């Protein structure tokens, strides 16, 4: 499965959820998800994947910290004498639920990025008839079967001559 096609859609989903969260709170995830999507589309290489994974790990830590702090005040009924606080209880609950969903999506993104990084690090393997008995009917005119860790071609940078 091409995990590289799933990750941008998860960034889109994070952007949409974060925009909904902006109705009740300032959500930094909008900016982070837009930045990650931009970086993803601009340059795809192992170093970029590692940077995106590290950035998402830091932001996940901040999300969890915000969730713990906000749940203590937003999760409670609060002071029922304050009309505005009571009237926004549903929106606060929605924001807490969407924030939890956003954290789960971020965990999925981190997991997929880790899988992609591992695939890029995987060495090329040549499978022979001796290793795989199901290839007994292998014809010498056929091309050897190669298994690559990553199917995308890497971009080569041209060096400038002085």
N, C-alpha and C. Protein backbone atom coordinates (compact mmCIF):
# COMPACT_ATOMS: atom_id res chain seq x y z
N UNK A 1 0.84 -1.19 0.00
CA UNK A 1 0.00 0.00 0.00
C UNK A 1 0.88 1.24 0.00
N UNK A 2 0.48 2.22 -0.72
CA UNK A 2 1.24 3.46 -0.83
C UNK A 2 0.87 4.40 0.32
N UNK A 3 1.68 4.38 1.36
CA UNK A 3 1.42 5.22 2.51
C UNK A 3 1.62 6.70 2.18
N UNK A 4 2.43 6.96 1.16
CA UNK A 4 2.69 8.35 0.78
C UNK A 4 1.41 9.05 0.31
N UNK A 5 0.43 8.29 -0.16
CA UNK A 5 -0.83 8.89 -0.62
C UNK A 5 -1.80 9.13 0.52
N UNK A 6 -1.62 8.44 1.62
CA UNK A 6 -2.54 8.58 2.76
C UNK A 6 -2.18 9.79 3.62
N UNK A 7 -0.90 10.05 3.79
CA UNK A 7 -0.45 11.10 4.72
C UNK A 7 -1.01 12.47 4.36
N UNK A 8 -1.00 12.93 3.08
CA UNK A 8 -1.57 14.25 2.81
C UNK A 8 -3.05 14.34 3.14
N UNK A 9 -3.78 13.26 2.97
CA UNK A 9 -5.20 13.27 3.30
C UNK A 9 -5.41 13.39 4.81
N UNK A 10 -4.52 12.81 5.57
CA UNK A 10 -4.60 12.97 7.02
C UNK A 10 -4.30 14.41 7.43
N UNK A 11 -3.36 15.05 6.71
CA UNK A 11 -3.11 16.47 6.97
C UNK A 11 -4.35 17.31 6.64
N UNK A 12 -5.03 16.99 5.52
CA UNK A 12 -6.28 17.68 5.17
C UNK A 12 -7.31 17.53 6.28
N UNK A 13 -7.46 16.31 6.76
CA UNK A 13 -8.43 16.04 7.81
C UNK A 13 -8.10 16.83 9.08
N UNK A 14 -6.82 16.92 9.40
CA UNK A 14 -6.41 17.71 10.56
C UNK A 14 -6.75 19.18 10.36
N UNK A 15 -6.55 19.69 9.17
CA UNK A 15 -6.86 21.10 8.89
C UNK A 15 -8.34 21.36 9.09
N UNK A 16 -9.20 20.47 8.58
CA UNK A 16 -10.64 20.66 8.71
C UNK A 16 -11.07 20.60 10.17
N UNK A 17 -10.59 19.60 10.90
CA UNK A 17 -10.95 19.48 12.32
C UNK A 17 -10.44 20.68 13.11
N UNK A 18 -9.24 21.14 12.81
CA UNK A 18 -8.69 22.29 13.53
C UNK A 18 -9.47 23.56 13.22
N UNK A 19 -9.94 23.70 12.00
CA UNK A 19 -10.78 24.87 11.66
C UNK A 19 -12.08 24.85 12.45
N UNK A 20 -12.67 23.67 12.63
CA UNK A 20 -13.88 23.56 13.46
C UNK A 20 -13.57 23.90 14.91
N UNK A 21 -12.41 23.50 15.38
CA UNK A 21 -12.01 23.81 16.76
C UNK A 21 -11.81 25.31 16.96
N UNK A 22 -11.49 26.01 15.90
CA UNK A 22 -11.27 27.46 16.02
C UNK A 22 -12.55 28.22 16.37
N UNK A 23 -13.69 27.57 16.34
CA UNK A 23 -14.93 28.22 16.75
C UNK A 23 -14.93 28.52 18.25
N UNK A 24 -14.24 27.71 19.03
CA UNK A 24 -14.25 27.88 20.48
C UNK A 24 -12.88 28.21 21.05
N UNK A 25 -11.82 27.81 20.37
CA UNK A 25 -10.47 28.06 20.90
C UNK A 25 -9.52 28.35 19.75
N UNK A 26 -8.41 28.96 20.07
CA UNK A 26 -7.37 29.19 19.07
C UNK A 26 -6.61 27.89 18.92
N UNK A 27 -6.64 27.32 17.73
CA UNK A 27 -6.02 26.01 17.51
C UNK A 27 -4.80 26.17 16.62
N UNK A 28 -3.63 25.94 17.20
CA UNK A 28 -2.38 26.04 16.45
C UNK A 28 -2.22 24.92 15.45
N UNK A 29 -3.04 23.88 15.55
CA UNK A 29 -2.95 22.75 14.64
C UNK A 29 -3.25 23.13 13.19
N UNK A 30 -4.03 24.19 12.98
CA UNK A 30 -4.31 24.65 11.61
C UNK A 30 -3.00 25.01 10.93
N UNK A 31 -2.21 25.83 11.59
CA UNK A 31 -0.95 26.29 11.02
C UNK A 31 0.03 25.13 10.87
N UNK A 32 0.13 24.28 11.87
CA UNK A 32 1.06 23.15 11.82
C UNK A 32 0.69 22.19 10.70
N UNK A 33 -0.60 21.86 10.57
CA UNK A 33 -1.04 20.93 9.53
C UNK A 33 -0.81 21.53 8.14
N UNK A 34 -1.08 22.82 7.97
CA UNK A 34 -0.82 23.47 6.67
C UNK A 34 0.67 23.45 6.34
N UNK A 35 1.49 23.73 7.34
CA UNK A 35 2.93 23.72 7.14
C UNK A 35 3.42 22.30 6.78
N UNK A 36 2.93 21.30 7.49
CA UNK A 36 3.32 19.91 7.20
C UNK A 36 2.89 19.50 5.81
N UNK A 37 1.69 19.89 5.41
CA UNK A 37 1.21 19.55 4.07
C UNK A 37 2.10 20.23 3.01
N UNK A 38 2.43 21.48 3.24
CA UNK A 38 3.29 22.20 2.30
C UNK A 38 4.66 21.54 2.19
N UNK A 39 5.26 21.20 3.32
CA UNK A 39 6.56 20.53 3.32
C UNK A 39 6.45 19.18 2.61
N UNK A 40 5.37 18.45 2.87
CA UNK A 40 5.16 17.14 2.26
C UNK A 40 5.12 17.25 0.74
N UNK A 41 4.37 18.23 0.24
CA UNK A 41 4.23 18.39 -1.21
C UNK A 41 5.49 18.96 -1.85
N UNK A 42 6.25 19.75 -1.11
CA UNK A 42 7.41 20.42 -1.68
C UNK A 42 8.58 19.46 -1.87
N UNK A 43 8.88 18.69 -0.86
CA UNK A 43 10.05 17.82 -0.94
C UNK A 43 9.81 16.55 -0.16
N UNK A 44 9.95 15.42 -0.85
CA UNK A 44 9.76 14.13 -0.19
C UNK A 44 11.08 13.37 -0.21
N UNK A 45 11.70 13.28 0.94
CA UNK A 45 12.91 12.50 1.08
C UNK A 45 12.98 12.03 2.53
N UNK A 46 13.89 11.14 2.82
CA UNK A 46 13.98 10.55 4.16
C UNK A 46 14.18 11.62 5.24
N UNK A 47 15.03 12.61 4.96
CA UNK A 47 15.29 13.66 5.93
C UNK A 47 14.01 14.45 6.22
N UNK A 48 13.23 14.73 5.18
CA UNK A 48 11.98 15.47 5.37
C UNK A 48 11.00 14.65 6.18
N UNK A 49 10.90 13.35 5.90
CA UNK A 49 10.00 12.49 6.66
C UNK A 49 10.39 12.48 8.14
N UNK A 50 11.67 12.41 8.41
CA UNK A 50 12.15 12.40 9.80
C UNK A 50 11.82 13.73 10.48
N UNK A 51 12.01 14.84 9.79
CA UNK A 51 11.70 16.14 10.36
C UNK A 51 10.20 16.28 10.64
N UNK A 52 9.37 15.81 9.68
CA UNK A 52 7.93 15.88 9.88
C UNK A 52 7.50 14.99 11.06
N UNK A 53 8.11 13.83 11.18
CA UNK A 53 7.78 12.94 12.29
C UNK A 53 8.16 13.59 13.62
N UNK A 54 9.34 14.19 13.71
CA UNK A 54 9.77 14.84 14.94
C UNK A 54 8.88 16.03 15.28
N UNK A 55 8.53 16.83 14.27
CA UNK A 55 7.63 17.97 14.49
C UNK A 55 6.28 17.50 15.01
N UNK A 56 5.75 16.45 14.42
CA UNK A 56 4.45 15.93 14.86
C UNK A 56 4.52 15.31 16.25
N UNK A 57 5.66 14.74 16.62
CA UNK A 57 5.82 14.24 17.98
C UNK A 57 5.78 15.37 19.00
N UNK A 58 6.46 16.48 18.69
CA UNK A 58 6.46 17.64 19.59
C UNK A 58 5.05 18.22 19.71
N UNK A 59 4.38 18.37 18.56
CA UNK A 59 3.03 18.94 18.57
C UNK A 59 2.05 18.00 19.28
N UNK A 60 2.24 16.70 19.14
CA UNK A 60 1.40 15.74 19.87
C UNK A 60 1.58 15.93 21.38
N UNK A 61 2.81 16.14 21.82
CA UNK A 61 3.05 16.40 23.24
C UNK A 61 2.34 17.67 23.70
N UNK A 62 2.39 18.72 22.87
CA UNK A 62 1.69 19.96 23.21
C UNK A 62 0.17 19.77 23.23
N UNK A 63 -0.34 18.98 22.27
CA UNK A 63 -1.78 18.68 22.24
C UNK A 63 -2.22 17.94 23.50
N UNK A 64 -1.44 16.96 23.91
CA UNK A 64 -1.78 16.19 25.10
C UNK A 64 -1.73 17.09 26.34
N UNK A 65 -0.72 17.95 26.42
CA UNK A 65 -0.62 18.90 27.54
C UNK A 65 -1.82 19.83 27.56
N UNK A 66 -2.22 20.39 26.40
CA UNK A 66 -3.38 21.27 26.33
C UNK A 66 -4.63 20.51 26.75
N UNK A 67 -4.75 19.28 26.28
CA UNK A 67 -5.94 18.48 26.58
C UNK A 67 -6.07 18.24 28.08
N UNK A 68 -4.97 17.92 28.73
CA UNK A 68 -5.00 17.66 30.18
C UNK A 68 -5.39 18.93 30.94
N UNK A 69 -4.78 20.04 30.57
CA UNK A 69 -5.07 21.31 31.26
C UNK A 69 -6.51 21.75 30.99
N UNK A 70 -6.95 21.68 29.74
CA UNK A 70 -8.30 22.15 29.39
C UNK A 70 -9.39 21.24 29.90
N UNK A 71 -9.11 19.95 29.96
CA UNK A 71 -10.14 19.02 30.42
C UNK A 71 -10.54 19.30 31.86
N UNK A 72 -9.58 19.76 32.66
CA UNK A 72 -9.89 20.05 34.07
C UNK A 72 -10.91 21.17 34.20
N UNK A 73 -10.81 22.17 33.33
CA UNK A 73 -11.77 23.28 33.43
C UNK A 73 -12.94 23.14 32.45
N UNK A 74 -12.69 22.69 31.25
CA UNK A 74 -13.75 22.59 30.25
C UNK A 74 -14.61 21.35 30.43
N UNK A 75 -14.05 20.31 30.99
CA UNK A 75 -14.80 19.07 31.16
C UNK A 75 -15.80 19.14 32.30
N UNK A 76 -15.61 20.09 33.22
CA UNK A 76 -16.53 20.22 34.35
C UNK A 76 -17.69 21.15 33.96
N UNK A 77 -18.73 21.10 34.76
CA UNK A 77 -19.90 21.94 34.50
C UNK A 77 -19.59 23.41 34.77
N UNK A 78 -18.61 23.66 35.61
CA UNK A 78 -18.23 25.03 35.91
C UNK A 78 -19.27 25.73 36.78
N UNK A 79 -19.19 27.04 36.78
CA UNK A 79 -20.10 27.86 37.58
C UNK A 79 -21.39 28.06 36.78
N UNK A 80 -22.48 27.49 37.25
CA UNK A 80 -23.76 27.58 36.53
C UNK A 80 -24.40 28.95 36.64
N UNK A 81 -23.86 29.79 37.51
CA UNK A 81 -24.40 31.15 37.64
C UNK A 81 -23.96 32.03 36.48
N UNK A 82 -22.87 31.68 35.83
CA UNK A 82 -22.40 32.47 34.70
C UNK A 82 -23.08 31.94 33.45
N UNK A 83 -23.93 32.77 32.86
CA UNK A 83 -24.76 32.34 31.73
C UNK A 83 -23.92 32.01 30.51
N UNK A 84 -22.93 32.82 30.21
CA UNK A 84 -22.11 32.60 29.02
C UNK A 84 -21.35 31.28 29.14
N UNK A 85 -20.77 31.01 30.30
CA UNK A 85 -20.01 29.76 30.50
C UNK A 85 -20.92 28.55 30.29
N UNK A 86 -22.12 28.62 30.84
CA UNK A 86 -23.06 27.50 30.72
C UNK A 86 -23.54 27.33 29.28
N UNK A 87 -23.73 28.43 28.58
CA UNK A 87 -24.25 28.34 27.21
C UNK A 87 -23.23 27.77 26.23
N UNK A 88 -21.96 27.84 26.55
CA UNK A 88 -20.92 27.32 25.66
C UNK A 88 -20.44 25.92 26.03
N UNK A 89 -21.15 25.25 26.93
CA UNK A 89 -20.73 23.92 27.39
C UNK A 89 -20.70 22.93 26.23
N UNK A 90 -21.66 22.97 25.35
CA UNK A 90 -21.69 22.05 24.21
C UNK A 90 -20.52 22.27 23.26
N UNK A 91 -20.18 23.53 23.02
CA UNK A 91 -19.05 23.83 22.14
C UNK A 91 -17.73 23.41 22.78
N UNK A 92 -17.62 23.57 24.09
CA UNK A 92 -16.39 23.12 24.77
C UNK A 92 -16.25 21.61 24.68
N UNK A 93 -17.35 20.90 24.86
CA UNK A 93 -17.32 19.43 24.75
C UNK A 93 -16.95 19.01 23.31
N UNK A 94 -17.52 19.70 22.33
CA UNK A 94 -17.20 19.41 20.93
C UNK A 94 -15.71 19.64 20.67
N UNK A 95 -15.18 20.71 21.22
CA UNK A 95 -13.76 21.01 21.03
C UNK A 95 -12.88 19.96 21.67
N UNK A 96 -13.26 19.48 22.84
CA UNK A 96 -12.48 18.43 23.49
C UNK A 96 -12.52 17.13 22.68
N UNK A 97 -13.67 16.80 22.15
CA UNK A 97 -13.80 15.58 21.33
C UNK A 97 -12.99 15.71 20.04
N UNK A 98 -13.11 16.85 19.36
CA UNK A 98 -12.36 17.05 18.11
C UNK A 98 -10.85 17.09 18.37
N UNK A 99 -10.45 17.63 19.51
CA UNK A 99 -9.03 17.65 19.85
C UNK A 99 -8.50 16.23 20.08
N UNK A 100 -9.31 15.39 20.71
CA UNK A 100 -8.91 14.00 20.91
C UNK A 100 -8.80 13.27 19.57
N UNK A 101 -9.75 13.53 18.66
CA UNK A 101 -9.68 12.93 17.31
C UNK A 101 -8.44 13.41 16.59
N UNK A 102 -8.14 14.70 16.73
CA UNK A 102 -6.94 15.27 16.09
C UNK A 102 -5.67 14.59 16.62
N UNK A 103 -5.63 14.31 17.91
CA UNK A 103 -4.47 13.60 18.49
C UNK A 103 -4.34 12.21 17.90
N UNK A 104 -5.45 11.51 17.73
CA UNK A 104 -5.42 10.17 17.15
C UNK A 104 -4.94 10.21 15.70
N UNK A 105 -5.38 11.22 14.96
CA UNK A 105 -4.92 11.37 13.57
C UNK A 105 -3.43 11.63 13.55
N UNK A 106 -2.96 12.46 14.47
CA UNK A 106 -1.53 12.76 14.54
C UNK A 106 -0.72 11.50 14.86
N UNK A 107 -1.24 10.65 15.73
CA UNK A 107 -0.57 9.37 16.02
C UNK A 107 -0.50 8.52 14.74
N UNK A 108 -1.59 8.53 13.96
CA UNK A 108 -1.59 7.81 12.69
C UNK A 108 -0.57 8.35 11.72
N UNK A 109 -0.44 9.67 11.65
CA UNK A 109 0.55 10.30 10.76
C UNK A 109 1.96 9.90 11.19
N UNK A 110 2.22 9.96 12.48
CA UNK A 110 3.55 9.59 13.00
C UNK A 110 3.86 8.14 12.67
N UNK A 111 2.87 7.27 12.85
CA UNK A 111 3.07 5.85 12.55
C UNK A 111 3.37 5.64 11.06
N UNK A 112 2.59 6.28 10.19
CA UNK A 112 2.82 6.13 8.75
C UNK A 112 4.18 6.69 8.34
N UNK A 113 4.57 7.82 8.92
CA UNK A 113 5.88 8.37 8.60
C UNK A 113 6.99 7.42 9.03
N UNK A 114 6.82 6.78 10.17
CA UNK A 114 7.83 5.82 10.63
C UNK A 114 7.91 4.61 9.68
N UNK A 115 6.77 4.15 9.20
CA UNK A 115 6.75 3.05 8.24
C UNK A 115 7.44 3.46 6.95
N UNK A 116 7.17 4.66 6.47
CA UNK A 116 7.79 5.15 5.23
C UNK A 116 9.30 5.25 5.40
N UNK A 117 9.75 5.75 6.54
CA UNK A 117 11.19 5.87 6.80
C UNK A 117 11.84 4.49 6.80
N UNK A 118 11.19 3.52 7.43
CA UNK A 118 11.74 2.16 7.46
C UNK A 118 11.79 1.55 6.07
N UNK A 119 10.78 1.82 5.24
CA UNK A 119 10.78 1.29 3.88
C UNK A 119 11.93 1.86 3.07
N UNK A 120 12.24 3.13 3.30
CA UNK A 120 13.35 3.74 2.56
C UNK A 120 14.70 3.18 3.01
N UNK A 121 14.76 2.75 4.26
CA UNK A 121 16.01 2.20 4.78
C UNK A 121 16.19 0.73 4.40
N UNK A 122 15.13 0.08 3.93
CA UNK A 122 15.19 -1.35 3.61
C UNK A 122 16.12 -1.59 2.42
N UNK A 123 17.00 -2.59 2.53
CA UNK A 123 17.91 -2.88 1.42
C UNK A 123 17.18 -3.60 0.28
N UNK A 124 17.79 -3.59 -0.88
CA UNK A 124 17.25 -4.30 -2.04
C UNK A 124 17.48 -5.79 -1.83
N UNK A 125 16.46 -6.58 -2.08
CA UNK A 125 16.57 -8.02 -1.91
C UNK A 125 16.33 -8.70 -3.26
N UNK A 126 17.19 -9.61 -3.64
CA UNK A 126 17.00 -10.39 -4.85
C UNK A 126 16.55 -11.79 -4.42
N UNK A 127 15.40 -12.19 -4.91
CA UNK A 127 14.84 -13.48 -4.53
C UNK A 127 15.18 -14.49 -5.61
N UNK A 128 15.69 -15.64 -5.20
CA UNK A 128 16.04 -16.70 -6.15
C UNK A 128 15.12 -17.89 -5.96
N UNK A 129 15.20 -18.82 -6.88
CA UNK A 129 14.37 -20.02 -6.82
C UNK A 129 14.65 -20.84 -5.57
N UNK A 130 15.89 -20.85 -5.11
CA UNK A 130 16.25 -21.65 -3.95
C UNK A 130 15.59 -21.09 -2.68
N UNK A 131 15.49 -19.76 -2.61
CA UNK A 131 14.90 -19.13 -1.42
C UNK A 131 13.38 -19.23 -1.42
N UNK A 132 12.79 -19.21 -2.61
CA UNK A 132 11.33 -19.25 -2.73
C UNK A 132 10.95 -20.43 -3.61
N UNK A 133 10.53 -21.55 -3.02
CA UNK A 133 10.19 -22.72 -3.83
C UNK A 133 9.01 -22.48 -4.78
N UNK A 134 8.16 -21.49 -4.48
CA UNK A 134 7.02 -21.24 -5.35
C UNK A 134 7.44 -20.65 -6.71
N UNK A 135 8.73 -20.30 -6.84
CA UNK A 135 9.24 -19.76 -8.10
C UNK A 135 9.93 -20.84 -8.94
N UNK A 136 9.53 -22.10 -8.79
CA UNK A 136 10.18 -23.19 -9.51
C UNK A 136 10.06 -23.05 -11.02
N UNK A 137 8.97 -22.49 -11.47
CA UNK A 137 8.73 -22.36 -12.91
C UNK A 137 9.39 -21.11 -13.49
N UNK A 138 10.32 -20.57 -12.78
CA UNK A 138 11.01 -19.35 -13.23
C UNK A 138 11.82 -19.64 -14.49
N UNK A 139 11.57 -18.89 -15.53
CA UNK A 139 12.24 -19.06 -16.81
C UNK A 139 13.45 -18.14 -16.86
N UNK A 140 14.56 -18.62 -17.38
CA UNK A 140 15.78 -17.82 -17.42
C UNK A 140 15.64 -16.61 -18.34
N UNK A 141 14.65 -16.63 -19.23
CA UNK A 141 14.43 -15.48 -20.12
C UNK A 141 13.68 -14.36 -19.41
N UNK A 142 13.07 -14.69 -18.29
CA UNK A 142 12.34 -13.68 -17.54
C UNK A 142 13.31 -12.82 -16.73
N UNK A 143 12.86 -11.67 -16.38
CA UNK A 143 13.65 -10.76 -15.56
C UNK A 143 13.68 -11.28 -14.13
N UNK A 144 14.79 -11.09 -13.41
CA UNK A 144 14.81 -11.50 -12.00
C UNK A 144 13.81 -10.66 -11.20
N UNK A 145 13.33 -11.24 -10.14
CA UNK A 145 12.35 -10.56 -9.30
C UNK A 145 13.10 -9.78 -8.23
N UNK A 146 12.85 -8.49 -8.19
CA UNK A 146 13.49 -7.63 -7.20
C UNK A 146 12.44 -7.08 -6.26
N UNK A 147 12.77 -7.01 -5.01
CA UNK A 147 11.90 -6.39 -4.02
C UNK A 147 12.65 -5.19 -3.46
N UNK A 148 12.07 -4.03 -3.65
CA UNK A 148 12.68 -2.81 -3.16
C UNK A 148 11.97 -2.37 -1.89
N UNK A 149 12.74 -1.71 -1.05
CA UNK A 149 12.15 -1.17 0.17
C UNK A 149 11.24 0.00 -0.09
N UNK A 150 11.47 0.73 -1.17
CA UNK A 150 10.68 1.91 -1.48
C UNK A 150 10.53 2.00 -2.99
N UNK A 151 9.33 2.26 -3.46
CA UNK A 151 9.09 2.19 -4.89
C UNK A 151 9.31 3.51 -5.62
N UNK A 152 9.34 4.63 -4.93
CA UNK A 152 9.53 5.92 -5.59
C UNK A 152 10.97 6.12 -5.99
N UNK A 153 11.15 6.77 -7.12
CA UNK A 153 12.51 7.09 -7.56
C UNK A 153 12.99 8.32 -6.81
N UNK A 154 14.22 8.30 -6.43
CA UNK A 154 14.80 9.43 -5.70
C UNK A 154 15.23 10.50 -6.70
N UNK A 155 15.06 11.73 -6.28
CA UNK A 155 15.46 12.85 -7.11
C UNK A 155 16.97 13.05 -7.00
N UNK A 156 17.60 13.24 -8.13
CA UNK A 156 19.04 13.48 -8.13
C UNK A 156 19.26 14.97 -8.36
N UNK A 157 20.14 15.53 -7.57
CA UNK A 157 20.46 16.94 -7.70
C UNK A 157 21.66 17.10 -8.63
N UNK A 158 21.54 18.05 -9.51
CA UNK A 158 22.65 18.31 -10.43
C UNK A 158 23.64 19.25 -9.79
N UNK A 159 24.92 18.95 -9.95
CA UNK A 159 25.95 19.80 -9.39
C UNK A 159 26.28 20.88 -10.40
N UNK A 160 26.46 22.08 -9.88
CA UNK A 160 26.83 23.20 -10.74
C UNK A 160 28.34 23.19 -10.96
N UNK A 161 28.72 23.43 -12.19
CA UNK A 161 30.15 23.51 -12.49
C UNK A 161 30.63 24.94 -12.29
N UNK A 162 31.81 25.07 -11.72
CA UNK A 162 32.37 26.42 -11.47
C UNK A 162 33.09 26.94 -12.66
